[in-house]
Amino acid sequence: MIGLSHTTASSTAIWLNMELVATAILGIVLFKDHIDKYAYIGLIFTFIAGLIVSWSNGFGDVFSIVFIILACFSWGIDN
């Protein structure tokens, strides 16, 4: 909720798509998942797409982005 209170709803919605990236990182680090080069490329493109789409709306401040990314990692743990 802290991240939501300091940025726009549209920016938050875009940043919440980073849950895919967070879940993959958690899988690699915690469970030693092996992903191929296409999965890495997909993760990179997902991250870049989030940056591009949120660019026009403003990224929000660093404070809100950190909390939104922490929410994404929490959501990844829940998965």
N, C-alpha and C. Protein backbone atom coordinates (compact mmCIF):
# COMPACT_ATOMS: atom_id res chain seq x y z
N MET A 1 0.82 -1.19 0.00
CA MET A 1 0.00 0.00 0.00
C MET A 1 0.86 1.26 0.00
N ILE A 2 2.05 1.16 0.54
CA ILE A 2 2.94 2.32 0.57
C ILE A 2 3.33 2.72 -0.84
N GLY A 3 3.65 1.73 -1.68
CA GLY A 3 4.01 2.02 -3.06
C GLY A 3 2.85 2.63 -3.83
N LEU A 4 1.64 2.18 -3.55
CA LEU A 4 0.46 2.71 -4.23
C LEU A 4 0.18 4.16 -3.85
N SER A 5 0.48 4.53 -2.64
CA SER A 5 0.14 5.87 -2.18
C SER A 5 1.10 6.94 -2.71
N HIS A 6 2.20 6.55 -3.32
CA HIS A 6 3.19 7.53 -3.77
C HIS A 6 3.37 7.58 -5.29
N THR A 7 2.54 6.88 -6.04
CA THR A 7 2.66 6.90 -7.48
C THR A 7 1.28 6.72 -8.11
N THR A 8 1.20 6.86 -9.40
CA THR A 8 -0.09 6.73 -10.08
C THR A 8 -0.49 5.26 -10.21
N ALA A 9 -1.79 5.05 -10.39
CA ALA A 9 -2.30 3.68 -10.52
C ALA A 9 -1.79 3.03 -11.80
N SER A 10 -1.69 3.79 -12.88
CA SER A 10 -1.22 3.21 -14.14
C SER A 10 0.24 2.80 -14.06
N SER A 11 1.05 3.60 -13.41
CA SER A 11 2.45 3.24 -13.24
C SER A 11 2.60 2.01 -12.36
N THR A 12 1.80 1.94 -11.32
CA THR A 12 1.83 0.77 -10.44
C THR A 12 1.40 -0.49 -11.17
N ALA A 13 0.39 -0.38 -12.00
CA ALA A 13 -0.08 -1.55 -12.76
C ALA A 13 1.00 -2.08 -13.68
N ILE A 14 1.74 -1.18 -14.30
CA ILE A 14 2.83 -1.61 -15.18
C ILE A 14 3.94 -2.26 -14.36
N TRP A 15 4.30 -1.64 -13.25
CA TRP A 15 5.38 -2.20 -12.44
C TRP A 15 5.01 -3.55 -11.83
N LEU A 16 3.72 -3.79 -11.60
CA LEU A 16 3.31 -5.08 -11.05
C LEU A 16 3.51 -6.22 -12.05
N ASN A 17 3.71 -5.91 -13.32
CA ASN A 17 4.05 -6.94 -14.29
C ASN A 17 5.44 -7.51 -14.04
N MET A 18 6.21 -6.88 -13.21
CA MET A 18 7.54 -7.38 -12.87
C MET A 18 7.45 -8.61 -11.97
N GLU A 19 6.22 -9.00 -11.61
CA GLU A 19 6.04 -10.21 -10.82
C GLU A 19 6.56 -11.43 -11.56
N LEU A 20 6.41 -11.43 -12.88
CA LEU A 20 6.95 -12.52 -13.70
C LEU A 20 8.46 -12.62 -13.54
N VAL A 21 9.13 -11.49 -13.61
CA VAL A 21 10.59 -11.46 -13.47
C VAL A 21 10.98 -11.86 -12.05
N ALA A 22 10.27 -11.35 -11.06
CA ALA A 22 10.59 -11.68 -9.66
C ALA A 22 10.42 -13.17 -9.39
N THR A 23 9.35 -13.76 -9.91
CA THR A 23 9.12 -15.20 -9.72
C THR A 23 10.22 -16.02 -10.37
N ALA A 24 10.65 -15.62 -11.55
CA ALA A 24 11.73 -16.34 -12.23
C ALA A 24 13.04 -16.22 -11.45
N ILE A 25 13.33 -15.04 -10.95
CA ILE A 25 14.56 -14.85 -10.16
C ILE A 25 14.51 -15.71 -8.90
N LEU A 26 13.37 -15.72 -8.24
CA LEU A 26 13.24 -16.56 -7.04
C LEU A 26 13.41 -18.04 -7.37
N GLY A 27 12.86 -18.48 -8.49
CA GLY A 27 13.01 -19.87 -8.90
C GLY A 27 14.45 -20.24 -9.18
N ILE A 28 15.17 -19.33 -9.80
CA ILE A 28 16.59 -19.58 -10.12
C ILE A 28 17.42 -19.61 -8.84
N VAL A 29 17.19 -18.65 -7.97
CA VAL A 29 18.01 -18.52 -6.76
C VAL A 29 17.66 -19.58 -5.71
N LEU A 30 16.37 -19.75 -5.44
CA LEU A 30 15.98 -20.64 -4.35
C LEU A 30 15.87 -22.10 -4.75
N PHE A 31 15.39 -22.35 -5.95
CA PHE A 31 15.12 -23.73 -6.35
C PHE A 31 16.06 -24.24 -7.43
N LYS A 32 17.04 -23.44 -7.79
CA LYS A 32 18.04 -23.82 -8.80
C LYS A 32 17.40 -24.23 -10.12
N ASP A 33 16.31 -23.52 -10.49
CA ASP A 33 15.67 -23.78 -11.78
C ASP A 33 16.63 -23.44 -12.91
N HIS A 34 16.58 -24.23 -13.95
CA HIS A 34 17.39 -23.98 -15.13
C HIS A 34 16.48 -23.46 -16.23
N ILE A 35 16.81 -22.29 -16.72
CA ILE A 35 16.03 -21.76 -17.83
C ILE A 35 16.96 -21.54 -19.02
N ASP A 36 16.39 -21.65 -20.20
CA ASP A 36 17.22 -21.52 -21.39
C ASP A 36 17.36 -20.06 -21.81
N LYS A 37 18.08 -19.86 -22.89
CA LYS A 37 18.38 -18.50 -23.33
C LYS A 37 17.12 -17.76 -23.76
N TYR A 38 16.13 -18.48 -24.26
CA TYR A 38 14.88 -17.84 -24.69
C TYR A 38 14.10 -17.31 -23.49
N ALA A 39 14.16 -18.02 -22.39
CA ALA A 39 13.50 -17.54 -21.17
C ALA A 39 14.19 -16.30 -20.64
N TYR A 40 15.53 -16.29 -20.67
CA TYR A 40 16.27 -15.10 -20.26
C TYR A 40 15.92 -13.91 -21.14
N ILE A 41 15.85 -14.14 -22.45
CA ILE A 41 15.49 -13.07 -23.38
C ILE A 41 14.08 -12.56 -23.08
N GLY A 42 13.16 -13.47 -22.79
CA GLY A 42 11.80 -13.09 -22.44
C GLY A 42 11.73 -12.25 -21.18
N LEU A 43 12.53 -12.63 -20.18
CA LEU A 43 12.56 -11.86 -18.94
C LEU A 43 13.12 -10.47 -19.17
N ILE A 44 14.16 -10.38 -19.97
CA ILE A 44 14.76 -9.08 -20.27
C ILE A 44 13.78 -8.20 -21.04
N PHE A 45 13.11 -8.79 -22.03
CA PHE A 45 12.12 -8.02 -22.79
C PHE A 45 10.94 -7.59 -21.93
N THR A 46 10.53 -8.43 -20.99
CA THR A 46 9.45 -8.06 -20.09
C THR A 46 9.84 -6.86 -19.25
N PHE A 47 11.07 -6.87 -18.74
CA PHE A 47 11.55 -5.76 -17.93
C PHE A 47 11.66 -4.49 -18.77
N ILE A 48 12.21 -4.60 -19.96
CA ILE A 48 12.36 -3.43 -20.84
C ILE A 48 11.00 -2.89 -21.24
N ALA A 49 10.05 -3.77 -21.54
CA ALA A 49 8.70 -3.33 -21.91
C ALA A 49 8.05 -2.56 -20.77
N GLY A 50 8.25 -3.02 -19.55
CA GLY A 50 7.73 -2.29 -18.39
C GLY A 50 8.32 -0.90 -18.28
N LEU A 51 9.61 -0.80 -18.54
CA LEU A 51 10.25 0.52 -18.51
C LEU A 51 9.70 1.42 -19.59
N ILE A 52 9.56 0.89 -20.80
CA ILE A 52 9.09 1.70 -21.92
C ILE A 52 7.66 2.18 -21.71
N VAL A 53 6.80 1.28 -21.29
CA VAL A 53 5.39 1.64 -21.12
C VAL A 53 5.20 2.63 -19.98
N SER A 54 5.96 2.47 -18.90
CA SER A 54 5.80 3.38 -17.76
C SER A 54 6.54 4.70 -17.98
N TRP A 55 7.35 4.78 -19.02
CA TRP A 55 8.12 6.00 -19.28
C TRP A 55 7.20 7.20 -19.50
N SER A 56 6.13 7.03 -20.26
CA SER A 56 5.25 8.14 -20.58
C SER A 56 4.43 8.60 -19.37
N ASN A 57 4.13 7.70 -18.46
CA ASN A 57 3.37 8.05 -17.26
C ASN A 57 4.25 8.51 -16.12
N GLY A 58 5.53 8.39 -16.27
CA GLY A 58 6.44 8.69 -15.18
C GLY A 58 6.67 7.42 -14.37
N PHE A 59 7.90 7.22 -13.99
CA PHE A 59 8.24 6.01 -13.25
C PHE A 59 7.71 6.03 -11.83
N GLY A 60 7.46 7.19 -11.30
CA GLY A 60 7.18 7.30 -9.88
C GLY A 60 8.51 7.53 -9.18
N ASP A 61 8.46 7.78 -7.91
CA ASP A 61 9.72 7.99 -7.21
C ASP A 61 10.33 6.65 -6.82
N VAL A 62 11.59 6.68 -6.47
CA VAL A 62 12.33 5.46 -6.14
C VAL A 62 11.70 4.76 -4.94
N PHE A 63 11.22 5.52 -4.01
CA PHE A 63 10.59 4.97 -2.80
C PHE A 63 9.43 4.05 -3.17
N SER A 64 8.54 4.52 -4.05
CA SER A 64 7.39 3.71 -4.43
C SER A 64 7.79 2.51 -5.27
N ILE A 65 8.77 2.68 -6.15
CA ILE A 65 9.21 1.57 -7.00
C ILE A 65 9.80 0.44 -6.16
N VAL A 66 10.57 0.80 -5.15
CA VAL A 66 11.17 -0.22 -4.28
C VAL A 66 10.07 -1.04 -3.59
N PHE A 67 9.04 -0.37 -3.08
CA PHE A 67 7.97 -1.10 -2.40
C PHE A 67 7.15 -1.93 -3.37
N ILE A 68 6.95 -1.44 -4.59
CA ILE A 68 6.21 -2.21 -5.57
C ILE A 68 7.00 -3.45 -5.98
N ILE A 69 8.30 -3.31 -6.15
CA ILE A 69 9.13 -4.48 -6.50
C ILE A 69 9.19 -5.47 -5.34
N LEU A 70 9.22 -4.97 -4.11
CA LEU A 70 9.14 -5.88 -2.96
C LEU A 70 7.80 -6.62 -2.94
N ALA A 71 6.74 -5.93 -3.32
CA ALA A 71 5.43 -6.60 -3.42
C ALA A 71 5.47 -7.68 -4.49
N CYS A 72 6.16 -7.41 -5.59
CA CYS A 72 6.28 -8.42 -6.66
C CYS A 72 7.03 -9.65 -6.16
N PHE A 73 8.10 -9.45 -5.41
CA PHE A 73 8.83 -10.60 -4.86
C PHE A 73 7.97 -11.34 -3.83
N SER A 74 7.19 -10.63 -3.06
CA SER A 74 6.28 -11.30 -2.12
C SER A 74 5.24 -12.12 -2.86
N TRP A 75 4.76 -11.56 -3.94
CA TRP A 75 3.78 -12.27 -4.77
C TRP A 75 4.44 -13.51 -5.39
N GLY A 76 5.70 -13.38 -5.80
CA GLY A 76 6.43 -14.52 -6.33
C GLY A 76 6.64 -15.62 -5.30
N ILE A 77 6.88 -15.25 -4.08
CA ILE A 77 7.02 -16.23 -3.00
C ILE A 77 5.69 -16.94 -2.79
N ASP A 78 4.61 -16.19 -2.89
CA ASP A 78 3.28 -16.77 -2.73
C ASP A 78 2.98 -17.79 -3.83
N ASN A 79 3.54 -17.56 -5.01
CA ASN A 79 3.31 -18.51 -6.11
C ASN A 79 4.00 -19.81 -5.81
